[in-house]
Amino acid sequence: MTLSASASTSPHATQLERALKQLSQEVLRMGTLVEQSCRLGHQAFFHHDFQAIADITAVEGQIDRYYRSIELECARLMTLQRPVAKDLRLLSAFMQLVRDLERIGDYAQDLTELAVKLFNYPPHACLGEIEQMSQQAQGMLAVSLIALADLNPGAGAELKAMDDTIDDAYDRLYRTLAESRDIQGVVEPILLMVLAIRHIERMADHATNIGQRVAYIVTGKRG
């Protein structure tokens, strides 16, 4: 990501430019970890991958450390560097953006916890559609991170269309699960899958937010 903090060549401006560039790289590294977390959550939930369940805890720990570090650095730069309006907008957007990334990672880890509870149940007929929904959400995260790396404000429209597709899938699957009849045995697997589609739908919402925040960084206008 190439960021120009200021046209000034003063030592203060140069120091701030370096700090913003470093910060942007840290945000993208965090995004890469969140993508990994989503893949692990997907593997655990849809493919009963025990190693993914073991691995995601360490990845989430790294994500949380990035989250805290980036927030602290943004607050420090706002307080000590007296950034101009454009740079202040960037820092504010970064603070919101890493919250979106952190929440996506949390939902991915939640999927692994649901996976453990579902291990003892046979696959539900809706599982294939839910997996497709998860793949679409991961695609949205990839698009949002590319938009961030390129500072592309136009990705928001693509993300909105993708999010609408996931919302439609959520509504359809929710009705199917909620209206299940002739359930033999316990209803727990139905409830767990309802939670799963909700988590995936929220992941998509946060990916959409990232696209909107990129547009705000570039244009100064909120979507």
C-alpha atoms as a PDB file:
ATOM      1  CA  MET A   1       0.000   0.000   0.000  1.00  0.00           C
ATOM      2  CA  THR A   2       1.448   3.360  -0.964  1.00  0.00           C
ATOM      3  CA  LEU A   3       0.394   6.204   1.263  1.00  0.00           C
ATOM      4  CA  SER A   4       1.435   9.806   0.956  1.00  0.00           C
ATOM      5  CA  ALA A   5       1.023  11.423   4.331  1.00  0.00           C
ATOM      6  CA  SER A   6       1.862  14.941   3.309  1.00  0.00           C
ATOM      7  CA  ALA A   7       3.448  16.985   0.538  1.00  0.00           C
ATOM      8  CA  SER A   8       5.758  18.575   3.105  1.00  0.00           C
ATOM      9  CA  THR A   9       9.377  17.418   3.350  1.00  0.00           C
ATOM     10  CA  SER A  10       9.795  18.470   6.994  1.00  0.00           C
ATOM     11  CA  PRO A  11      11.350  15.939   9.394  1.00  0.00           C
ATOM     12  CA  HIS A  12       7.997  15.697  11.197  1.00  0.00           C
ATOM     13  CA  ALA A  13       6.153  14.872   7.973  1.00  0.00           C
ATOM     14  CA  THR A  14       8.785  12.311   6.964  1.00  0.00           C
ATOM     15  CA  GLN A  15       8.529  10.617  10.361  1.00  0.00           C
ATOM     16  CA  LEU A  16       4.759  10.486  10.107  1.00  0.00           C
ATOM     17  CA  GLU A  17       4.906   9.128   6.556  1.00  0.00           C
ATOM     18  CA  ARG A  18       7.170   6.316   7.714  1.00  0.00           C
ATOM     19  CA  ALA A  19       4.894   5.550  10.639  1.00  0.00           C
ATOM     20  CA  LEU A  20       1.800   5.446   8.416  1.00  0.00           C
ATOM     21  CA  LYS A  21       3.513   3.198   5.883  1.00  0.00           C
ATOM     22  CA  GLN A  22       4.577   0.814   8.632  1.00  0.00           C
ATOM     23  CA  LEU A  23       1.085   0.882  10.083  1.00  0.00           C
ATOM     24  CA  SER A  24      -0.519   0.083   6.731  1.00  0.00           C
ATOM     25  CA  GLN A  25       1.793  -2.916   6.352  1.00  0.00           C
ATOM     26  CA  GLU A  26       0.806  -4.141   9.809  1.00  0.00           C
ATOM     27  CA  VAL A  27      -2.898  -3.891   8.912  1.00  0.00           C
ATOM     28  CA  LEU A  28      -2.331  -5.963   5.770  1.00  0.00           C
ATOM     29  CA  ARG A  29      -0.372  -8.570   7.738  1.00  0.00           C
ATOM     30  CA  MET A  30      -3.279  -8.772  10.155  1.00  0.00           C
ATOM     31  CA  GLY A  31      -5.608  -9.214   7.186  1.00  0.00           C
ATOM     32  CA  THR A  32      -3.512 -12.135   5.929  1.00  0.00           C
ATOM     33  CA  LEU A  33      -3.829 -13.812   9.333  1.00  0.00           C
ATOM     34  CA  VAL A  34      -7.593 -13.278   9.305  1.00  0.00           C
ATOM     35  CA  GLU A  35      -7.774 -14.944   5.884  1.00  0.00           C
ATOM     36  CA  GLN A  36      -5.875 -17.892   7.361  1.00  0.00           C
ATOM     37  CA  SER A  37      -8.255 -17.999  10.315  1.00  0.00           C
ATOM     38  CA  CYS A  38     -11.242 -18.112   7.957  1.00  0.00           C
ATOM     39  CA  ARG A  39      -9.720 -21.003   6.017  1.00  0.00           C
ATOM     40  CA  LEU A  40      -9.120 -22.912   9.239  1.00  0.00           C
ATOM     41  CA  GLY A  41     -12.663 -22.277  10.443  1.00  0.00           C
ATOM     42  CA  HIS A  42     -13.976 -23.478   7.105  1.00  0.00           C
ATOM     43  CA  GLN A  43     -11.856 -26.639   7.176  1.00  0.00           C
ATOM     44  CA  ALA A  44     -12.942 -27.443  10.713  1.00  0.00           C
ATOM     45  CA  PHE A  45     -16.635 -26.898  10.140  1.00  0.00           C
ATOM     46  CA  PHE A  46     -17.096 -28.482   6.721  1.00  0.00           C
ATOM     47  CA  HIS A  47     -14.308 -31.066   6.601  1.00  0.00           C
ATOM     48  CA  HIS A  48     -13.936 -32.151  10.246  1.00  0.00           C
ATOM     49  CA  ASP A  49     -10.303 -31.053  10.247  1.00  0.00           C
ATOM     50  CA  PHE A  50      -9.036 -31.550  13.801  1.00  0.00           C
ATOM     51  CA  GLN A  51      -5.682 -29.932  12.989  1.00  0.00           C
ATOM     52  CA  ALA A  52      -7.479 -26.754  11.905  1.00  0.00           C
ATOM     53  CA  ILE A  53      -9.191 -26.618  15.289  1.00  0.00           C
ATOM     54  CA  ALA A  54      -5.810 -26.931  17.002  1.00  0.00           C
ATOM     55  CA  ASP A  55      -4.135 -24.349  14.743  1.00  0.00           C
ATOM     56  CA  ILE A  56      -6.730 -21.587  14.901  1.00  0.00           C
ATOM     57  CA  THR A  57      -6.075 -20.706  18.542  1.00  0.00           C
ATOM     58  CA  ALA A  58      -2.508 -19.661  17.779  1.00  0.00           C
ATOM     59  CA  VAL A  59      -3.582 -17.683  14.722  1.00  0.00           C
ATOM     60  CA  GLU A  60      -6.272 -15.894  16.714  1.00  0.00           C
ATOM     61  CA  GLY A  61      -3.696 -15.004  19.344  1.00  0.00           C
ATOM     62  CA  GLN A  62      -1.576 -13.350  16.649  1.00  0.00           C
ATOM     63  CA  ILE A  63      -4.617 -11.500  15.293  1.00  0.00           C
ATOM     64  CA  ASP A  64      -5.460 -10.153  18.742  1.00  0.00           C
ATOM     65  CA  ARG A  65      -1.884  -8.960  19.251  1.00  0.00           C
ATOM     66  CA  TYR A  66      -1.941  -7.115  15.921  1.00  0.00           C
ATOM     67  CA  TYR A  67      -5.301  -5.604  16.833  1.00  0.00           C
ATOM     68  CA  ARG A  68      -4.084  -4.207  20.146  1.00  0.00           C
ATOM     69  CA  SER A  69      -0.774  -3.024  18.702  1.00  0.00           C
ATOM     70  CA  ILE A  70      -2.369  -1.223  15.738  1.00  0.00           C
ATOM     71  CA  GLU A  71      -4.977   0.477  17.913  1.00  0.00           C
ATOM     72  CA  LEU A  72      -2.305   1.700  20.299  1.00  0.00           C
ATOM     73  CA  GLU A  73      -0.119   2.964  17.469  1.00  0.00           C
ATOM     74  CA  CYS A  74      -3.032   4.810  15.853  1.00  0.00           C
ATOM     75  CA  ALA A  75      -3.879   6.464  19.174  1.00  0.00           C
ATOM     76  CA  ARG A  76      -0.214   7.391  19.712  1.00  0.00           C
ATOM     77  CA  LEU A  77       0.105   8.993  16.289  1.00  0.00           C
ATOM     78  CA  MET A  78      -3.150  10.920  16.748  1.00  0.00           C
ATOM     79  CA  THR A  79      -1.927  12.253  20.085  1.00  0.00           C
ATOM     80  CA  LEU A  80       1.735  12.947  19.417  1.00  0.00           C
ATOM     81  CA  GLN A  81       2.130  13.601  15.699  1.00  0.00           C
ATOM     82  CA  ARG A  82      -0.684  16.138  15.163  1.00  0.00           C
ATOM     83  CA  PRO A  83      -1.696  14.621  11.797  1.00  0.00           C
ATOM     84  CA  VAL A  84      -3.377  16.751   9.142  1.00  0.00           C
ATOM     85  CA  ALA A  85      -6.983  16.000   8.188  1.00  0.00           C
ATOM     86  CA  LYS A  86      -6.159  13.403   5.524  1.00  0.00           C
ATOM     87  CA  ASP A  87      -3.830  11.469   7.818  1.00  0.00           C
ATOM     88  CA  LEU A  88      -6.262  11.717  10.718  1.00  0.00           C
ATOM     89  CA  ARG A  89      -8.919  10.214   8.449  1.00  0.00           C
ATOM     90  CA  LEU A  90      -6.566   7.358   7.610  1.00  0.00           C
ATOM     91  CA  LEU A  91      -5.802   6.646  11.264  1.00  0.00           C
ATOM     92  CA  SER A  92      -9.465   6.768  12.219  1.00  0.00           C
ATOM     93  CA  ALA A  93     -10.354   4.374   9.406  1.00  0.00           C
ATOM     94  CA  PHE A  94      -7.553   2.002  10.415  1.00  0.00           C
ATOM     95  CA  MET A  95      -8.867   1.841  13.978  1.00  0.00           C
ATOM     96  CA  GLN A  96     -12.318   0.898  12.723  1.00  0.00           C
ATOM     97  CA  LEU A  97     -10.981  -1.422  10.054  1.00  0.00           C
ATOM     98  CA  VAL A  98      -8.917  -3.566  12.419  1.00  0.00           C
ATOM     99  CA  ARG A  99     -11.997  -4.007  14.591  1.00  0.00           C
ATOM    100  CA  ASP A 100     -13.765  -5.453  11.541  1.00  0.00           C
ATOM    101  CA  LEU A 101     -10.837  -7.785  10.905  1.00  0.00           C
ATOM    102  CA  GLU A 102     -10.712  -8.881  14.527  1.00  0.00           C
ATOM    103  CA  ARG A 103     -14.419  -9.679  14.550  1.00  0.00           C
ATOM    104  CA  ILE A 104     -14.117 -11.749  11.355  1.00  0.00           C
ATOM    105  CA  GLY A 105     -11.385 -13.771  13.044  1.00  0.00           C
ATOM    106  CA  ASP A 106     -13.581 -14.262  16.097  1.00  0.00           C
ATOM    107  CA  TYR A 107     -16.410 -15.604  13.953  1.00  0.00           C
ATOM    108  CA  ALA A 108     -14.010 -17.985  12.215  1.00  0.00           C
ATOM    109  CA  GLN A 109     -12.949 -19.346  15.593  1.00  0.00           C
ATOM    110  CA  ASP A 110     -16.598 -19.633  16.612  1.00  0.00           C
ATOM    111  CA  LEU A 111     -17.110 -21.912  13.593  1.00  0.00           C
ATOM    112  CA  THR A 112     -14.473 -24.301  14.928  1.00  0.00           C
ATOM    113  CA  GLU A 113     -16.283 -24.439  18.271  1.00  0.00           C
ATOM    114  CA  LEU A 114     -19.540 -25.258  16.492  1.00  0.00           C
ATOM    115  CA  ALA A 115     -17.693 -27.882  14.448  1.00  0.00           C
ATOM    116  CA  VAL A 116     -16.667 -29.735  17.609  1.00  0.00           C
ATOM    117  CA  LYS A 117     -20.283 -29.909  18.740  1.00  0.00           C
ATOM    118  CA  LEU A 118     -21.435 -31.124  15.312  1.00  0.00           C
ATOM    119  CA  PHE A 119     -18.891 -33.937  14.990  1.00  0.00           C
ATOM    120  CA  ASN A 120     -21.241 -36.513  16.469  1.00  0.00           C
ATOM    121  CA  TYR A 121     -24.129 -35.717  14.137  1.00  0.00           C
ATOM    122  CA  PRO A 122     -24.641 -36.841  10.541  1.00  0.00           C
ATOM    123  CA  PRO A 123     -24.237 -34.119   7.845  1.00  0.00           C
ATOM    124  CA  HIS A 124     -27.365 -32.063   7.246  1.00  0.00           C
ATOM    125  CA  ALA A 125     -28.811 -31.703   3.751  1.00  0.00           C
ATOM    126  CA  CYS A 126     -28.104 -27.932   3.877  1.00  0.00           C
ATOM    127  CA  LEU A 127     -24.403 -28.323   4.573  1.00  0.00           C
ATOM    128  CA  GLY A 128     -23.377 -27.918   0.926  1.00  0.00           C
ATOM    129  CA  GLU A 129     -25.246 -24.612   0.623  1.00  0.00           C
ATOM    130  CA  ILE A 130     -23.745 -23.371   3.880  1.00  0.00           C
ATOM    131  CA  GLU A 131     -20.268 -24.267   2.630  1.00  0.00           C
ATOM    132  CA  GLN A 132     -20.876 -22.258  -0.533  1.00  0.00           C
ATOM    133  CA  MET A 133     -21.967 -19.326   1.636  1.00  0.00           C
ATOM    134  CA  SER A 134     -18.722 -19.626   3.622  1.00  0.00           C
ATOM    135  CA  GLN A 135     -16.650 -19.665   0.426  1.00  0.00           C
ATOM    136  CA  GLN A 136     -18.417 -16.524  -0.761  1.00  0.00           C
ATOM    137  CA  ALA A 137     -17.678 -14.773   2.542  1.00  0.00           C
ATOM    138  CA  GLN A 138     -13.996 -15.684   2.202  1.00  0.00           C
ATOM    139  CA  GLY A 139     -14.084 -14.280  -1.322  1.00  0.00           C
ATOM    140  CA  MET A 140     -15.477 -11.030   0.051  1.00  0.00           C
ATOM    141  CA  LEU A 141     -12.657 -10.793   2.575  1.00  0.00           C
ATOM    142  CA  ALA A 142     -10.114 -11.282  -0.228  1.00  0.00           C
ATOM    143  CA  VAL A 143     -11.739  -8.534  -2.316  1.00  0.00           C
ATOM    144  CA  SER A 144     -11.800  -6.144   0.646  1.00  0.00           C
ATOM    145  CA  LEU A 145      -8.118  -6.721   1.427  1.00  0.00           C
ATOM    146  CA  ILE A 146      -7.105  -6.197  -2.200  1.00  0.00           C
ATOM    147  CA  ALA A 147      -9.099  -2.952  -2.145  1.00  0.00           C
ATOM    148  CA  LEU A 148      -7.220  -1.926   0.975  1.00  0.00           C
ATOM    149  CA  ALA A 149      -3.815  -2.792  -0.498  1.00  0.00           C
ATOM    150  CA  ASP A 150      -4.610  -0.853  -3.695  1.00  0.00           C
ATOM    151  CA  LEU A 151      -6.610   1.885  -1.961  1.00  0.00           C
ATOM    152  CA  ASN A 152      -9.394   1.177  -4.444  1.00  0.00           C
ATOM    153  CA  PRO A 153     -12.610   2.959  -3.438  1.00  0.00           C
ATOM    154  CA  GLY A 154     -14.575   1.268  -6.231  1.00  0.00           C
ATOM    155  CA  ALA A 155     -14.566  -2.168  -4.620  1.00  0.00           C
ATOM    156  CA  GLY A 156     -17.447  -1.162  -2.373  1.00  0.00           C
ATOM    157  CA  ALA A 157     -20.057  -1.749  -5.095  1.00  0.00           C
ATOM    158  CA  GLU A 158     -18.701  -5.243  -5.805  1.00  0.00           C
ATOM    159  CA  LEU A 159     -18.696  -6.078  -2.112  1.00  0.00           C
ATOM    160  CA  LYS A 160     -22.256  -4.806  -1.690  1.00  0.00           C
ATOM    161  CA  ALA A 161     -23.461  -7.090  -4.502  1.00  0.00           C
ATOM    162  CA  MET A 162     -21.616 -10.050  -2.971  1.00  0.00           C
ATOM    163  CA  ASP A 163     -23.074  -9.238   0.438  1.00  0.00           C
ATOM    164  CA  ASP A 164     -26.592  -9.178  -1.008  1.00  0.00           C
ATOM    165  CA  THR A 165     -26.010 -12.706  -2.341  1.00  0.00           C
ATOM    166  CA  ILE A 166     -24.951 -13.895   1.101  1.00  0.00           C
ATOM    167  CA  ASP A 167     -27.912 -12.169   2.749  1.00  0.00           C
ATOM    168  CA  ASP A 168     -30.255 -13.974   0.354  1.00  0.00           C
ATOM    169  CA  ALA A 169     -28.561 -17.295   1.153  1.00  0.00           C
ATOM    170  CA  TYR A 170     -28.850 -16.588   4.865  1.00  0.00           C
ATOM    171  CA  ASP A 171     -32.578 -15.837   4.617  1.00  0.00           C
ATOM    172  CA  ARG A 172     -33.203 -18.945   2.540  1.00  0.00           C
ATOM    173  CA  LEU A 173     -31.195 -21.254   4.779  1.00  0.00           C
ATOM    174  CA  TYR A 174     -32.646 -19.787   7.945  1.00  0.00           C
ATOM    175  CA  ARG A 175     -36.174 -20.499   6.727  1.00  0.00           C
ATOM    176  CA  THR A 176     -35.191 -24.023   5.710  1.00  0.00           C
ATOM    177  CA  LEU A 177     -33.623 -24.778   9.092  1.00  0.00           C
ATOM    178  CA  ALA A 178     -36.283 -23.021  11.153  1.00  0.00           C
ATOM    179  CA  GLU A 179     -39.086 -24.828   9.363  1.00  0.00           C
ATOM    180  CA  SER A 180     -37.522 -28.285   9.638  1.00  0.00           C
ATOM    181  CA  ARG A 181     -40.136 -30.916  10.390  1.00  0.00           C
ATOM    182  CA  ASP A 182     -40.061 -34.516  11.516  1.00  0.00           C
ATOM    183  CA  ILE A 183     -36.778 -33.999  13.354  1.00  0.00           C
ATOM    184  CA  GLN A 184     -35.602 -37.259  14.819  1.00  0.00           C
ATOM    185  CA  GLY A 185     -33.655 -36.961  18.043  1.00  0.00           C
ATOM    186  CA  VAL A 186     -32.319 -33.674  19.418  1.00  0.00           C
ATOM    187  CA  VAL A 187     -32.601 -30.284  17.717  1.00  0.00           C
ATOM    188  CA  GLU A 188     -29.053 -29.236  18.629  1.00  0.00           C
ATOM    189  CA  PRO A 189     -27.552 -29.681  15.129  1.00  0.00           C
ATOM    190  CA  ILE A 190     -30.260 -27.426  13.673  1.00  0.00           C
ATOM    191  CA  LEU A 191     -29.509 -24.747  16.254  1.00  0.00           C
ATOM    192  CA  LEU A 192     -25.767 -25.037  15.648  1.00  0.00           C
ATOM    193  CA  MET A 193     -26.181 -24.581  11.902  1.00  0.00           C
ATOM    194  CA  VAL A 194     -28.409 -21.549  12.447  1.00  0.00           C
ATOM    195  CA  LEU A 195     -25.577 -20.077  14.519  1.00  0.00           C
ATOM    196  CA  ALA A 196     -23.088 -20.994  11.768  1.00  0.00           C
ATOM    197  CA  ILE A 197     -24.961 -19.182   9.012  1.00  0.00           C
ATOM    198  CA  ARG A 198     -25.342 -16.176  11.290  1.00  0.00           C
ATOM    199  CA  HIS A 199     -21.602 -16.102  11.930  1.00  0.00           C
ATOM    200  CA  ILE A 200     -20.872 -16.342   8.197  1.00  0.00           C
ATOM    201  CA  GLU A 201     -23.385 -13.597   7.416  1.00  0.00           C
ATOM    202  CA  ARG A 202     -21.710 -11.324   9.977  1.00  0.00           C
ATOM    203  CA  MET A 203     -18.265 -12.082   8.518  1.00  0.00           C
ATOM    204  CA  ALA A 204     -19.578 -10.864   5.168  1.00  0.00           C
ATOM    205  CA  ASP A 205     -20.957  -7.700   6.782  1.00  0.00           C
ATOM    206  CA  HIS A 206     -17.564  -6.870   8.262  1.00  0.00           C
ATOM    207  CA  ALA A 207     -15.858  -7.470   4.912  1.00  0.00           C
ATOM    208  CA  THR A 208     -18.338  -5.006   3.387  1.00  0.00           C
ATOM    209  CA  ASN A 209     -17.425  -2.517   6.115  1.00  0.00           C
ATOM    210  CA  ILE A 210     -13.762  -2.777   5.153  1.00  0.00           C
ATOM    211  CA  GLY A 211     -14.597  -1.797   1.582  1.00  0.00           C
ATOM    212  CA  GLN A 212     -16.560   1.192   2.842  1.00  0.00           C
ATOM    213  CA  ARG A 213     -13.692   2.263   5.072  1.00  0.00           C
ATOM    214  CA  VAL A 214     -11.283   2.111   2.134  1.00  0.00           C
ATOM    215  CA  ALA A 215     -13.596   4.408   0.192  1.00  0.00           C
ATOM    216  CA  TYR A 216     -13.615   6.771   3.185  1.00  0.00           C
ATOM    217  CA  ILE A 217      -9.804   6.790   3.317  1.00  0.00           C
ATOM    218  CA  VAL A 218      -9.590   7.753  -0.359  1.00  0.00           C
ATOM    219  CA  THR A 219     -12.564  10.090  -0.789  1.00  0.00           C
ATOM    220  CA  GLY A 220     -13.333  11.339   2.702  1.00  0.00           C
ATOM    221  CA  LYS A 221     -16.968  10.386   2.172  1.00  0.00           C
ATOM    222  CA  ARG A 222     -18.755   7.789   4.240  1.00  0.00           C
ATOM    223  CA  GLY A 223     -20.797   5.176   2.403  1.00  0.00           C
END
